[in-house]
C-alpha atoms as a PDB file:
ATOM      1  CA  MET A   1     110.098  79.195  96.990  1.00  0.00           C
ATOM      2  CA  LYS A   2     111.650  76.241  95.158  1.00  0.00           C
ATOM      3  CA  LYS A   3     110.793  77.821  91.817  1.00  0.00           C
ATOM      4  CA  ARG A   4     112.506  81.076  92.804  1.00  0.00           C
ATOM      5  CA  PHE A   5     115.580  79.210  94.095  1.00  0.00           C
ATOM      6  CA  LEU A   6     115.956  77.289  90.841  1.00  0.00           C
ATOM      7  CA  LEU A   7     115.524  80.462  88.818  1.00  0.00           C
ATOM      8  CA  ALA A   8     118.146  82.265  90.887  1.00  0.00           C
ATOM      9  CA  CYS A   9     120.560  79.422  90.197  1.00  0.00           C
ATOM     10  CA  ALA A  10     119.725  79.617  86.510  1.00  0.00           C
ATOM     11  CA  MET A  11     120.389  83.355  86.459  1.00  0.00           C
ATOM     12  CA  LEU A  12     123.792  82.875  88.092  1.00  0.00           C
ATOM     13  CA  ALA A  13     124.688  80.164  85.629  1.00  0.00           C
ATOM     14  CA  PHE A  14     123.415  82.250  82.749  1.00  0.00           C
ATOM     15  CA  GLY A  15     125.452  85.255  83.811  1.00  0.00           C
ATOM     16  CA  ALA A  16     128.622  83.182  84.106  1.00  0.00           C
ATOM     17  CA  THR A  17     128.332  81.562  80.702  1.00  0.00           C
ATOM     18  CA  ALA A  18     126.502  84.149  78.585  1.00  0.00           C
ATOM     19  CA  GLN A  19     129.596  85.211  76.713  1.00  0.00           C
ATOM     20  CA  ALA A  20     130.700  81.641  76.086  1.00  0.00           C
ATOM     21  CA  GLN A  21     127.557  80.514  74.276  1.00  0.00           C
ATOM     22  CA  ASP A  22     125.026  81.797  71.801  1.00  0.00           C
ATOM     23  CA  ALA A  23     122.341  84.023  73.353  1.00  0.00           C
ATOM     24  CA  PHE A  24     119.012  82.268  73.885  1.00  0.00           C
ATOM     25  CA  TYR A  25     117.151  84.757  71.684  1.00  0.00           C
ATOM     26  CA  GLU A  26     119.682  85.004  68.872  1.00  0.00           C
ATOM     27  CA  GLY A  27     117.985  84.482  65.520  1.00  0.00           C
ATOM     28  CA  LYS A  28     114.530  84.219  67.145  1.00  0.00           C
ATOM     29  CA  ARG A  29     111.363  86.294  67.387  1.00  0.00           C
ATOM     30  CA  LEU A  30     109.762  87.355  70.663  1.00  0.00           C
ATOM     31  CA  ASP A  31     106.019  88.041  70.490  1.00  0.00           C
ATOM     32  CA  VAL A  32     104.742  90.526  73.069  1.00  0.00           C
ATOM     33  CA  LEU A  33     101.067  89.816  73.680  1.00  0.00           C
ATOM     34  CA  ILE A  34      98.803  92.637  74.902  1.00  0.00           C
ATOM     35  CA  ASN A  35      95.417  91.735  76.371  1.00  0.00           C
ATOM     36  CA  TYR A  36      93.576  94.848  75.193  1.00  0.00           C
ATOM     37  CA  PRO A  37      92.921  96.268  71.700  1.00  0.00           C
ATOM     38  CA  ALA A  38      95.273  98.662  69.955  1.00  0.00           C
ATOM     39  CA  GLY A  39      95.190 102.307  70.947  1.00  0.00           C
ATOM     40  CA  GLY A  40      94.365 101.953  74.644  1.00  0.00           C
ATOM     41  CA  PRO A  41      96.644 102.671  77.617  1.00  0.00           C
ATOM     42  CA  THR A  42      97.872  99.069  77.944  1.00  0.00           C
ATOM     43  CA  ASP A  43      98.713  98.940  74.238  1.00  0.00           C
ATOM     44  CA  ILE A  44     100.471 102.308  74.079  1.00  0.00           C
ATOM     45  CA  GLU A  45     102.514 101.582  77.190  1.00  0.00           C
ATOM     46  CA  GLY A  46     103.268  97.989  76.160  1.00  0.00           C
ATOM     47  CA  ARG A  47     104.512  98.981  72.719  1.00  0.00           C
ATOM     48  CA  LEU A  48     106.873 101.558  74.191  1.00  0.00           C
ATOM     49  CA  VAL A  49     108.272  99.049  76.695  1.00  0.00           C
ATOM     50  CA  ALA A  50     108.663  96.391  73.980  1.00  0.00           C
ATOM     51  CA  LYS A  51     110.467  98.820  71.685  1.00  0.00           C
ATOM     52  CA  HIS A  52     113.122  99.661  74.258  1.00  0.00           C
ATOM     53  CA  LEU A  53     113.294  96.243  75.925  1.00  0.00           C
ATOM     54  CA  ALA A  54     114.454  94.779  72.597  1.00  0.00           C
ATOM     55  CA  ARG A  55     117.724  96.731  72.870  1.00  0.00           C
ATOM     56  CA  HIS A  56     118.558  94.966  76.145  1.00  0.00           C
ATOM     57  CA  ILE A  57     117.947  91.367  75.074  1.00  0.00           C
ATOM     58  CA  PRO A  58     121.173  89.563  74.103  1.00  0.00           C
ATOM     59  CA  GLY A  59     120.932  88.123  70.627  1.00  0.00           C
ATOM     60  CA  ALA A  60     118.842  91.038  69.324  1.00  0.00           C
ATOM     61  CA  PRO A  61     115.649  89.107  68.537  1.00  0.00           C
ATOM     62  CA  ASP A  62     112.859  90.579  66.460  1.00  0.00           C
ATOM     63  CA  VAL A  63     110.207  91.839  68.896  1.00  0.00           C
ATOM     64  CA  ILE A  64     106.662  91.869  67.543  1.00  0.00           C
ATOM     65  CA  VAL A  65     103.635  93.229  69.431  1.00  0.00           C
ATOM     66  CA  ARG A  66     100.303  91.431  69.033  1.00  0.00           C
ATOM     67  CA  ASN A  67      96.948  92.509  70.451  1.00  0.00           C
ATOM     68  CA  MET A  68      94.466  89.936  71.766  1.00  0.00           C
ATOM     69  CA  GLY A  69      91.623  91.830  73.384  1.00  0.00           C
ATOM     70  CA  GLY A  70      88.423  90.445  74.808  1.00  0.00           C
ATOM     71  CA  ALA A  71      86.548  89.749  78.057  1.00  0.00           C
ATOM     72  CA  GLY A  72      88.302  92.468  80.005  1.00  0.00           C
ATOM     73  CA  GLY A  73      91.759  91.029  79.350  1.00  0.00           C
ATOM     74  CA  LEU A  74      90.819  87.411  80.105  1.00  0.00           C
ATOM     75  CA  VAL A  75      91.030  86.031  76.557  1.00  0.00           C
ATOM     76  CA  ALA A  76      94.754  86.694  76.238  1.00  0.00           C
ATOM     77  CA  THR A  77      95.443  85.809  79.875  1.00  0.00           C
ATOM     78  CA  ASN A  78      93.846  82.379  79.503  1.00  0.00           C
ATOM     79  CA  TYR A  79      95.650  81.905  76.200  1.00  0.00           C
ATOM     80  CA  LEU A  80      99.042  82.615  77.757  1.00  0.00           C
ATOM     81  CA  GLY A  81      98.449  80.114  80.531  1.00  0.00           C
ATOM     82  CA  GLU A  82      96.835  77.338  78.487  1.00  0.00           C
ATOM     83  CA  ALA A  83      97.644  77.567  74.780  1.00  0.00           C
ATOM     84  CA  ALA A  84     100.843  79.548  74.226  1.00  0.00           C
ATOM     85  CA  GLN A  85     103.920  77.433  73.584  1.00  0.00           C
ATOM     86  CA  PRO A  86     106.269  77.338  76.613  1.00  0.00           C
ATOM     87  CA  ASP A  87     109.276  78.091  74.427  1.00  0.00           C
ATOM     88  CA  GLY A  88     110.079  81.525  75.804  1.00  0.00           C
ATOM     89  CA  LEU A  89     108.934  83.251  72.614  1.00  0.00           C
ATOM     90  CA  THR A  90     105.596  84.653  73.848  1.00  0.00           C
ATOM     91  CA  MET A  91     105.668  87.288  76.585  1.00  0.00           C
ATOM     92  CA  SER A  92     102.746  89.162  78.102  1.00  0.00           C
ATOM     93  CA  TYR A  93     102.293  92.829  78.743  1.00  0.00           C
ATOM     94  CA  PHE A  94      98.894  92.554  80.398  1.00  0.00           C
ATOM     95  CA  THR A  95      96.655  94.667  82.515  1.00  0.00           C
ATOM     96  CA  SER A  96      96.283  92.272  85.409  1.00  0.00           C
ATOM     97  CA  VAL A  97      93.156  90.278  86.286  1.00  0.00           C
ATOM     98  CA  TYR A  98      94.053  89.196  89.845  1.00  0.00           C
ATOM     99  CA  GLU A  99      90.592  89.978  91.164  1.00  0.00           C
ATOM    100  CA  TYR A 100      89.129  87.164  89.051  1.00  0.00           C
ATOM    101  CA  GLN A 101      91.335  84.644  90.822  1.00  0.00           C
ATOM    102  CA  LEU A 102      90.605  86.075  94.259  1.00  0.00           C
ATOM    103  CA  LEU A 103      86.883  85.876  93.467  1.00  0.00           C
ATOM    104  CA  GLU A 104      87.344  82.364  92.021  1.00  0.00           C
ATOM    105  CA  ASP A 105      85.567  83.476  88.864  1.00  0.00           C
ATOM    106  CA  PRO A 106      85.369  80.543  86.391  1.00  0.00           C
ATOM    107  CA  ALA A 107      86.000  82.943  83.502  1.00  0.00           C
ATOM    108  CA  LEU A 108      89.673  82.840  84.522  1.00  0.00           C
ATOM    109  CA  THR A 109      90.712  79.296  83.653  1.00  0.00           C
ATOM    110  CA  ILE A 110      94.348  79.429  84.781  1.00  0.00           C
ATOM    111  CA  ASP A 111      96.236  79.948  88.028  1.00  0.00           C
ATOM    112  CA  LEU A 112      98.191  83.188  87.656  1.00  0.00           C
ATOM    113  CA  ARG A 113     100.814  81.827  90.050  1.00  0.00           C
ATOM    114  CA  ASP A 114     101.811  79.275  87.412  1.00  0.00           C
ATOM    115  CA  LEU A 115     103.050  81.943  84.997  1.00  0.00           C
ATOM    116  CA  GLU A 116     106.779  82.568  84.737  1.00  0.00           C
ATOM    117  CA  VAL A 117     106.848  86.137  86.039  1.00  0.00           C
ATOM    118  CA  ILE A 118     109.351  88.556  84.540  1.00  0.00           C
ATOM    119  CA  GLY A 119     108.090  91.628  86.399  1.00  0.00           C
ATOM    120  CA  GLY A 120     105.309  94.132  86.715  1.00  0.00           C
ATOM    121  CA  VAL A 121     104.509  97.816  86.382  1.00  0.00           C
ATOM    122  CA  GLU A 122     103.005  99.970  89.100  1.00  0.00           C
ATOM    123  CA  GLY A 123      99.695 101.736  88.500  1.00  0.00           C
ATOM    124  CA  VAL A 124      98.329 103.986  91.247  1.00  0.00           C
ATOM    125  CA  PRO A 125      94.812 105.476  90.923  1.00  0.00           C
ATOM    126  CA  VAL A 126      93.988 108.985  92.100  1.00  0.00           C
ATOM    127  CA  ALA A 127      90.375 109.595  93.190  1.00  0.00           C
ATOM    128  CA  TYR A 128      88.677 112.919  92.519  1.00  0.00           C
ATOM    129  CA  VAL A 129      85.269 114.525  93.165  1.00  0.00           C
ATOM    130  CA  ARG A 130      83.359 117.434  91.679  1.00  0.00           C
ATOM    131  CA  THR A 131      83.734 120.589  93.764  1.00  0.00           C
ATOM    132  CA  ASP A 132      80.020 121.431  93.498  1.00  0.00           C
ATOM    133  CA  VAL A 133      78.898 118.327  95.396  1.00  0.00           C
ATOM    134  CA  ALA A 134      76.877 119.788  98.260  1.00  0.00           C
ATOM    135  CA  PRO A 135      77.784 121.357 100.620  1.00  0.00           C
ATOM    136  CA  GLY A 136      80.935 122.056  98.566  1.00  0.00           C
ATOM    137  CA  MET A 137      84.211 120.146  98.262  1.00  0.00           C
ATOM    138  CA  THR A 138      87.356 122.155  99.026  1.00  0.00           C
ATOM    139  CA  GLU A 139      89.619 119.573 100.711  1.00  0.00           C
ATOM    140  CA  PRO A 140      89.833 115.758 100.829  1.00  0.00           C
ATOM    141  CA  ALA A 141      88.153 115.375 104.233  1.00  0.00           C
ATOM    142  CA  ASP A 142      85.040 117.102 102.860  1.00  0.00           C
ATOM    143  CA  ILE A 143      84.088 113.813 101.189  1.00  0.00           C
ATOM    144  CA  LEU A 144      82.619 112.734 104.538  1.00  0.00           C
ATOM    145  CA  LYS A 145      80.335 115.792 104.585  1.00  0.00           C
ATOM    146  CA  ALA A 146      79.086 115.253 101.034  1.00  0.00           C
ATOM    147  CA  GLU A 147      75.431 114.746 100.332  1.00  0.00           C
ATOM    148  CA  GLN A 148      74.777 111.676  98.207  1.00  0.00           C
ATOM    149  CA  PHE A 149      76.923 111.571  95.080  1.00  0.00           C
ATOM    150  CA  LEU A 150      77.405 109.112  92.231  1.00  0.00           C
ATOM    151  CA  SER A 151      80.664 107.229  91.718  1.00  0.00           C
ATOM    152  CA  GLY A 152      81.365 105.428  88.453  1.00  0.00           C
ATOM    153  CA  GLY A 153      83.066 102.224  87.339  1.00  0.00           C
ATOM    154  CA  PHE A 154      83.338  99.527  84.701  1.00  0.00           C
ATOM    155  CA  ARG A 155      82.086  96.197  86.074  1.00  0.00           C
ATOM    156  CA  PRO A 156      81.178  95.079  89.599  1.00  0.00           C
ATOM    157  CA  ALA A 157      83.989  92.542  89.960  1.00  0.00           C
ATOM    158  CA  VAL A 158      86.950  94.491  88.537  1.00  0.00           C
ATOM    159  CA  SER A 159      89.551  96.118  90.746  1.00  0.00           C
ATOM    160  CA  LYS A 160      88.571  99.690  89.821  1.00  0.00           C
ATOM    161  CA  ASP A 161      84.986  99.244  91.021  1.00  0.00           C
ATOM    162  CA  LEU A 162      86.013  97.233  94.054  1.00  0.00           C
ATOM    163  CA  LEU A 163      88.582  99.803  95.195  1.00  0.00           C
ATOM    164  CA  ILE A 164      86.225 102.737  94.686  1.00  0.00           C
ATOM    165  CA  ARG A 165      83.397 101.086  96.608  1.00  0.00           C
ATOM    166  CA  MET A 166      85.577  99.692  99.386  1.00  0.00           C
ATOM    167  CA  SER A 167      87.425 102.956 100.009  1.00  0.00           C
ATOM    168  CA  LEU A 168      84.199 104.975 100.124  1.00  0.00           C
ATOM    169  CA  ASP A 169      82.565 102.387 102.384  1.00  0.00           C
ATOM    170  CA  LEU A 170      85.545 102.426 104.721  1.00  0.00           C
ATOM    171  CA  LEU A 171      85.295 106.210 104.965  1.00  0.00           C
ATOM    172  CA  GLY A 172      81.529 106.058 105.468  1.00  0.00           C
ATOM    173  CA  ALA A 173      80.777 108.319 102.489  1.00  0.00           C
ATOM    174  CA  ASN A 174      77.206 108.857 101.283  1.00  0.00           C
ATOM    175  CA  TYR A 175      77.369 107.603  97.698  1.00  0.00           C
ATOM    176  CA  ARG A 176      75.751 105.384  95.096  1.00  0.00           C
ATOM    177  CA  HIS A 177      77.867 103.442  92.608  1.00  0.00           C
ATOM    178  CA  VAL A 178      77.032 103.337  88.893  1.00  0.00           C
ATOM    179  CA  THR A 179      78.847 100.743  86.797  1.00  0.00           C
ATOM    180  CA  GLY A 180      78.976  99.849  83.102  1.00  0.00           C
ATOM    181  CA  PHE A 181      81.156 102.610  81.664  1.00  0.00           C
ATOM    182  CA  LYS A 182      83.237 101.408  78.703  1.00  0.00           C
ATOM    183  CA  GLY A 183      86.411 103.116  79.800  1.00  0.00           C
ATOM    184  CA  SER A 184      87.871 106.118  81.583  1.00  0.00           C
ATOM    185  CA  ALA A 185      87.101 108.574  78.788  1.00  0.00           C
ATOM    186  CA  PRO A 186      83.297 108.048  78.924  1.00  0.00           C
ATOM    187  CA  ALA A 187      83.356 108.187  82.737  1.00  0.00           C
ATOM    188  CA  ARG A 188      85.407 111.376  82.621  1.00  0.00           C
ATOM    189  CA  GLN A 189      82.883 112.898  80.219  1.00  0.00           C
ATOM    190  CA  ALA A 190      80.110 111.936  82.632  1.00  0.00           C
ATOM    191  CA  ILE A 191      81.984 113.816  85.372  1.00  0.00           C
ATOM    192  CA  LEU A 192      82.140 116.924  83.177  1.00  0.00           C
ATOM    193  CA  GLN A 193      78.410 116.655  82.467  1.00  0.00           C
ATOM    194  CA  ASN A 194      77.660 116.142  86.178  1.00  0.00           C
ATOM    195  CA  GLU A 195      76.169 112.710  85.503  1.00  0.00           C
ATOM    196  CA  LEU A 196      78.849 111.339  87.848  1.00  0.00           C
ATOM    197  CA  GLN A 197      80.590 113.172  90.648  1.00  0.00           C
ATOM    198  CA  PHE A 198      83.363 110.768  91.750  1.00  0.00           C
ATOM    199  CA  PHE A 199      85.866 108.712  89.747  1.00  0.00           C
ATOM    200  CA  GLU A 200      89.507 107.658  89.846  1.00  0.00           C
ATOM    201  CA  GLU A 201      92.230 107.253  87.234  1.00  0.00           C
ATOM    202  CA  THR A 202      95.808 106.055  87.283  1.00  0.00           C
ATOM    203  CA  VAL A 203      98.600 108.603  87.582  1.00  0.00           C
ATOM    204  CA  PRO A 204      99.348 109.105  83.836  1.00  0.00           C
ATOM    205  CA  SER A 205      95.715 109.907  82.959  1.00  0.00           C
ATOM    206  CA  TYR A 206      95.187 111.941  86.110  1.00  0.00           C
ATOM    207  CA  MET A 207      98.288 114.110  85.664  1.00  0.00           C
ATOM    208  CA  SER A 208      98.083 114.557  81.876  1.00  0.00           C
ATOM    209  CA  VAL A 209      94.290 114.813  81.389  1.00  0.00           C
ATOM    210  CA  VAL A 210      92.390 115.367  84.627  1.00  0.00           C
ATOM    211  CA  VAL A 211      94.692 118.007  86.117  1.00  0.00           C
ATOM    212  CA  PRO A 212      94.711 120.405  83.131  1.00  0.00           C
ATOM    213  CA  THR A 213      91.070 119.923  82.135  1.00  0.00           C
ATOM    214  CA  MET A 214      89.301 119.589  85.497  1.00  0.00           C
ATOM    215  CA  VAL A 215      91.548 120.306  88.496  1.00  0.00           C
ATOM    216  CA  GLU A 216      93.066 123.539  87.201  1.00  0.00           C
ATOM    217  CA  THR A 217      89.622 124.741  86.033  1.00  0.00           C
ATOM    218  CA  GLY A 218      88.090 124.098  89.448  1.00  0.00           C
ATOM    219  CA  GLU A 219      85.686 121.370  88.304  1.00  0.00           C
ATOM    220  CA  VAL A 220      87.150 118.725  90.658  1.00  0.00           C
ATOM    221  CA  ILE A 221      89.564 118.281  93.522  1.00  0.00           C
ATOM    222  CA  PRO A 222      91.683 115.210  94.282  1.00  0.00           C
ATOM    223  CA  VAL A 223      90.484 113.240  97.309  1.00  0.00           C
ATOM    224  CA  PHE A 224      93.186 110.597  97.750  1.00  0.00           C
ATOM    225  CA  GLN A 225      95.643 108.352  95.976  1.00  0.00           C
ATOM    226  CA  HIS A 226      95.699 104.656  96.733  1.00  0.00           C
ATOM    227  CA  GLU A 227      98.750 103.875  98.837  1.00  0.00           C
ATOM    228  CA  VAL A 228     101.738 101.868  97.645  1.00  0.00           C
ATOM    229  CA  TRP A 229     103.363  99.752 100.343  1.00  0.00           C
ATOM    230  CA  ARG A 230     107.154 100.047 100.434  1.00  0.00           C
ATOM    231  CA  ASP A 231     109.276  98.631 103.244  1.00  0.00           C
ATOM    232  CA  GLY A 232     106.143  98.038 105.275  1.00  0.00           C
ATOM    233  CA  LYS A 233     104.923 101.639 105.022  1.00  0.00           C
ATOM    234  CA  PRO A 234     102.061 103.188 102.972  1.00  0.00           C
ATOM    235  CA  THR A 235     103.518 105.749 100.574  1.00  0.00           C
ATOM    236  CA  GLY A 236     102.363 107.911  97.699  1.00  0.00           C
ATOM    237  CA  ALA A 237     103.139 107.269  94.051  1.00  0.00           C
ATOM    238  CA  GLU A 238     106.012 108.766  92.124  1.00  0.00           C
ATOM    239  CA  GLY A 239     104.914 111.795  90.148  1.00  0.00           C
ATOM    240  CA  VAL A 240     101.892 112.615  92.340  1.00  0.00           C
ATOM    241  CA  PRO A 241     101.875 115.876  94.345  1.00  0.00           C
ATOM    242  CA  GLU A 242     102.533 115.264  98.033  1.00  0.00           C
ATOM    243  CA  SER A 243      99.488 117.391  98.824  1.00  0.00           C
ATOM    244  CA  ILE A 244      97.253 114.481  97.750  1.00  0.00           C
ATOM    245  CA  PRO A 245      96.996 112.146 100.752  1.00  0.00           C
ATOM    246  CA  THR A 246      97.070 108.392 100.454  1.00  0.00           C
ATOM    247  CA  PHE A 247      93.791 106.706 101.246  1.00  0.00           C
ATOM    248  CA  TYR A 248      95.433 105.214 104.335  1.00  0.00           C
ATOM    249  CA  ASP A 249      96.512 108.637 105.604  1.00  0.00           C
ATOM    250  CA  LEU A 250      93.121 110.203 104.860  1.00  0.00           C
ATOM    251  CA  TYR A 251      91.395 107.415 106.785  1.00  0.00           C
ATOM    252  CA  VAL A 252      93.649 107.953 109.812  1.00  0.00           C
ATOM    253  CA  GLN A 253      93.067 111.700 109.591  1.00  0.00           C
ATOM    254  CA  VAL A 254      89.281 111.537 109.573  1.00  0.00           C
ATOM    255  CA  LYS A 255      88.775 108.451 111.758  1.00  0.00           C
ATOM    256  CA  GLY A 256      91.545 108.982 114.280  1.00  0.00           C
ATOM    257  CA  GLU A 257      92.712 105.356 114.063  1.00  0.00           C
ATOM    258  CA  GLU A 258      94.286 102.918 111.627  1.00  0.00           C
ATOM    259  CA  PRO A 259      91.921 100.937 109.391  1.00  0.00           C
ATOM    260  CA  SER A 260      91.103  97.364 110.360  1.00  0.00           C
ATOM    261  CA  GLY A 261      88.463  94.670 109.962  1.00  0.00           C
ATOM    262  CA  PRO A 262      87.238  92.441 107.108  1.00  0.00           C
ATOM    263  CA  LEU A 263      86.494  95.310 104.703  1.00  0.00           C
ATOM    264  CA  TRP A 264      89.984  96.743 105.197  1.00  0.00           C
ATOM    265  CA  GLU A 265      91.609  93.330 104.716  1.00  0.00           C
ATOM    266  CA  ALA A 266      89.711  92.879 101.441  1.00  0.00           C
ATOM    267  CA  TYR A 267      90.595  96.386 100.254  1.00  0.00           C
ATOM    268  CA  ASP A 268      94.243  95.939 101.199  1.00  0.00           C
ATOM    269  CA  THR A 269      94.509  92.620  99.339  1.00  0.00           C
ATOM    270  CA  ILE A 270      93.142  94.091  96.105  1.00  0.00           C
ATOM    271  CA  ASN A 271      95.035  97.348  96.468  1.00  0.00           C
ATOM    272  CA  ARG A 272      98.491  95.855  97.042  1.00  0.00           C
ATOM    273  CA  LEU A 273      98.267  93.907  93.795  1.00  0.00           C
ATOM    274  CA  SER A 274      96.536  96.619  91.763  1.00  0.00           C
ATOM    275  CA  THR A 275      98.995  99.368  92.668  1.00  0.00           C
ATOM    276  CA  ARG A 276     102.274  97.439  92.583  1.00  0.00           C
ATOM    277  CA  MET A 277     101.413  95.114  89.689  1.00  0.00           C
ATOM    278  CA  LEU A 278      98.854  96.851  87.463  1.00  0.00           C
ATOM    279  CA  ARG A 279     100.658  95.307  84.485  1.00  0.00           C
ATOM    280  CA  ILE A 280     102.089  91.797  84.563  1.00  0.00           C
ATOM    281  CA  ILE A 281     104.980  90.799  82.324  1.00  0.00           C
ATOM    282  CA  ALA A 282     105.299  87.023  82.115  1.00  0.00           C
ATOM    283  CA  LEU A 283     106.007  83.929  80.027  1.00  0.00           C
ATOM    284  CA  PRO A 284     103.806  80.819  79.829  1.00  0.00           C
ATOM    285  CA  PRO A 285     104.161  78.143  82.524  1.00  0.00           C
ATOM    286  CA  GLY A 286     107.194  75.944  81.939  1.00  0.00           C
ATOM    287  CA  ALA A 287     109.116  78.455  79.801  1.00  0.00           C
ATOM    288  CA  PRO A 288     112.883  77.825  79.701  1.00  0.00           C
ATOM    289  CA  GLU A 289     114.738  79.147  82.737  1.00  0.00           C
ATOM    290  CA  GLU A 290     117.299  80.777  80.466  1.00  0.00           C
ATOM    291  CA  ALA A 291     114.526  82.766  78.761  1.00  0.00           C
ATOM    292  CA  VAL A 292     113.124  83.907  82.110  1.00  0.00           C
ATOM    293  CA  ALA A 293     116.574  84.919  83.379  1.00  0.00           C
ATOM    294  CA  THR A 294     117.386  86.777  80.157  1.00  0.00           C
ATOM    295  CA  LEU A 295     114.161  88.799  80.172  1.00  0.00           C
ATOM    296  CA  ARG A 296     114.373  89.577  83.879  1.00  0.00           C
ATOM    297  CA  GLN A 297     117.834  91.018  83.362  1.00  0.00           C
ATOM    298  CA  ALA A 298     116.669  92.960  80.294  1.00  0.00           C
ATOM    299  CA  LEU A 299     113.816  94.508  82.300  1.00  0.00           C
ATOM    300  CA  ALA A 300     116.241  95.426  85.095  1.00  0.00           C
ATOM    301  CA  ASP A 301     118.506  97.103  82.540  1.00  0.00           C
ATOM    302  CA  LEU A 302     115.556  98.948  81.008  1.00  0.00           C
ATOM    303  CA  ARG A 303     114.720 100.514  84.367  1.00  0.00           C
ATOM    304  CA  ASP A 304     118.007 102.463  84.214  1.00  0.00           C
ATOM    305  CA  ASP A 305     117.809 103.310  80.496  1.00  0.00           C
ATOM    306  CA  GLU A 306     117.838 107.098  80.048  1.00  0.00           C
ATOM    307  CA  GLU A 307     116.694 106.904  76.420  1.00  0.00           C
ATOM    308  CA  PHE A 308     113.665 104.886  77.539  1.00  0.00           C
ATOM    309  CA  LYS A 309     112.898 107.376  80.312  1.00  0.00           C
ATOM    310  CA  GLN A 310     112.983 110.328  77.930  1.00  0.00           C
ATOM    311  CA  ASP A 311     110.796 108.545  75.386  1.00  0.00           C
ATOM    312  CA  ALA A 312     108.338 107.563  78.118  1.00  0.00           C
ATOM    313  CA  LEU A 313     108.083 111.130  79.418  1.00  0.00           C
ATOM    314  CA  GLN A 314     107.419 112.393  75.920  1.00  0.00           C
ATOM    315  CA  SER A 315     104.965 109.642  74.930  1.00  0.00           C
ATOM    316  CA  LEU A 316     103.260 108.727  78.212  1.00  0.00           C
ATOM    317  CA  LYS A 317     103.949 111.777  80.416  1.00  0.00           C
ATOM    318  CA  PHE A 318     105.381 109.404  83.035  1.00  0.00           C
ATOM    319  CA  VAL A 319     108.084 106.766  83.410  1.00  0.00           C
ATOM    320  CA  PRO A 320     106.767 103.261  84.199  1.00  0.00           C
ATOM    321  CA  VAL A 321     107.920 102.003  87.590  1.00  0.00           C
ATOM    322  CA  PHE A 322     108.952  98.360  87.280  1.00  0.00           C
ATOM    323  CA  VAL A 323     108.651  95.693  89.949  1.00  0.00           C
ATOM    324  CA  LEU A 324     111.323  93.150  89.145  1.00  0.00           C
ATOM    325  CA  GLY A 325     111.651  89.387  89.186  1.00  0.00           C
ATOM    326  CA  ASP A 326     111.456  87.716  92.579  1.00  0.00           C
ATOM    327  CA  GLU A 327     109.722  90.682  94.212  1.00  0.00           C
ATOM    328  CA  ALA A 328     106.946  90.621  91.612  1.00  0.00           C
ATOM    329  CA  GLU A 329     106.532  86.853  91.894  1.00  0.00           C
ATOM    330  CA  ALA A 330     106.457  86.958  95.684  1.00  0.00           C
ATOM    331  CA  LEU A 331     103.867  89.735  95.686  1.00  0.00           C
ATOM    332  CA  ILE A 332     101.542  87.719  93.445  1.00  0.00           C
ATOM    333  CA  ASP A 333     101.998  84.559  95.512  1.00  0.00           C
ATOM    334  CA  GLU A 334     101.398  86.284  98.837  1.00  0.00           C
ATOM    335  CA  GLN A 335      98.321  88.283  97.857  1.00  0.00           C
ATOM    336  CA  LEU A 336      96.629  85.504  95.869  1.00  0.00           C
ATOM    337  CA  ASP A 337      97.086  83.247  98.896  1.00  0.00           C
ATOM    338  CA  ALA A 338      94.722  85.514 100.836  1.00  0.00           C
ATOM    339  CA  ALA A 339      92.938  84.091 103.852  1.00  0.00           C
ATOM    340  CA  PRO A 340      89.768  82.106 103.015  1.00  0.00           C
ATOM    341  CA  GLU A 341      87.642  84.555 104.995  1.00  0.00           C
ATOM    342  CA  THR A 342      89.011  87.459 102.929  1.00  0.00           C
ATOM    343  CA  LYS A 343      88.157  85.682  99.693  1.00  0.00           C
ATOM    344  CA  ALA A 344      84.682  84.871 100.984  1.00  0.00           C
ATOM    345  CA  PHE A 345      84.163  88.515 101.962  1.00  0.00           C
ATOM    346  CA  LEU A 346      85.252  89.673  98.496  1.00  0.00           C
ATOM    347  CA  LYS A 347      82.825  87.291  96.799  1.00  0.00           C
ATOM    348  CA  ASP A 348      79.912  88.542  98.873  1.00  0.00           C
ATOM    349  CA  TYR A 349      80.955  92.162  98.386  1.00  0.00           C
ATOM    350  CA  ALA A 350      81.173  91.860  94.586  1.00  0.00           C
ATOM    351  CA  ALA A 351      77.862  89.974  94.512  1.00  0.00           C
ATOM    352  CA  GLN A 352      76.142  92.812  96.368  1.00  0.00           C
ATOM    353  CA  ALA A 353      77.050  95.248  93.600  1.00  0.00           C
ATOM    354  CA  SER A 354      75.975  92.787  90.887  1.00  0.00           C
ATOM    355  CA  SER A 355      72.543  92.396  92.470  1.00  0.00           C
ATOM    356  CA  ASN A 356      71.848  96.138  92.749  1.00  0.00           C
END
């Protein structure tokens, strides 16, 4: 709270004096660090955001994108928190690794709450299942009637695997989870070859790839989208057909009651962070308040930039939905401060998958 109060004061002071002094970034270079290799979704999206964000930063700094892949995004994340200079000249555009902190995994060597958060980008997964899973899948509720099917994921302790397993367990579906896929493309190919029957992908991939190649051909149907909580209510994602229920709504439909209990609390903790803050945009701990205020304002301006929106629709087939400043920081703080019993449950739950 104190950190946010001081930053708010800094932003007010910055706004009042910006025209009377040189811009913080004038004559400087801002490095945008991406925690996955070039060519992937994080990289493509991050480069587009960096390109347009540069136009909204007073002082017109050079903006250079650098890739630092490795360990599922952890190499760059640890670097930002431990080794990057706190001079405001290194900014992340990361796929988030919150689950590692919730699981107290020693591979994450920093506290994500120490980063100077600029904002985040929403990323809502849509789950889908092959229509030929016996006795036949024609609507979302049929997932409860399905004979055993195989779901796929990447690694036992990452948010994708956790959300798939927890949602299917909450519904009581008859499934077995297979992990170790090297990305969405191999898992999608496994769906087409009927080596997997259930998977989920974020909205851009689902709408631009899955819909035309598998939904419209009748290979799969959507089962649910993970809910986004807005104003205390579970809602669907922008750009997703309203006919696809949220997981929350599907659960209420088939169970006749709202979800509750330790498994729901664990799911909800992971889901709120993963959907609202799939990407995290931040500076190293201790970065200058003026740099934080400048970049927060630039990101707010980018949200209303029509040129950016048109470029995003053409390049990504969607417009990134930004979570700004204090809201992003508060969301991280609140969810990473999960109850001890929730963290303990998550550890045991992830360990069960690792031991299978």
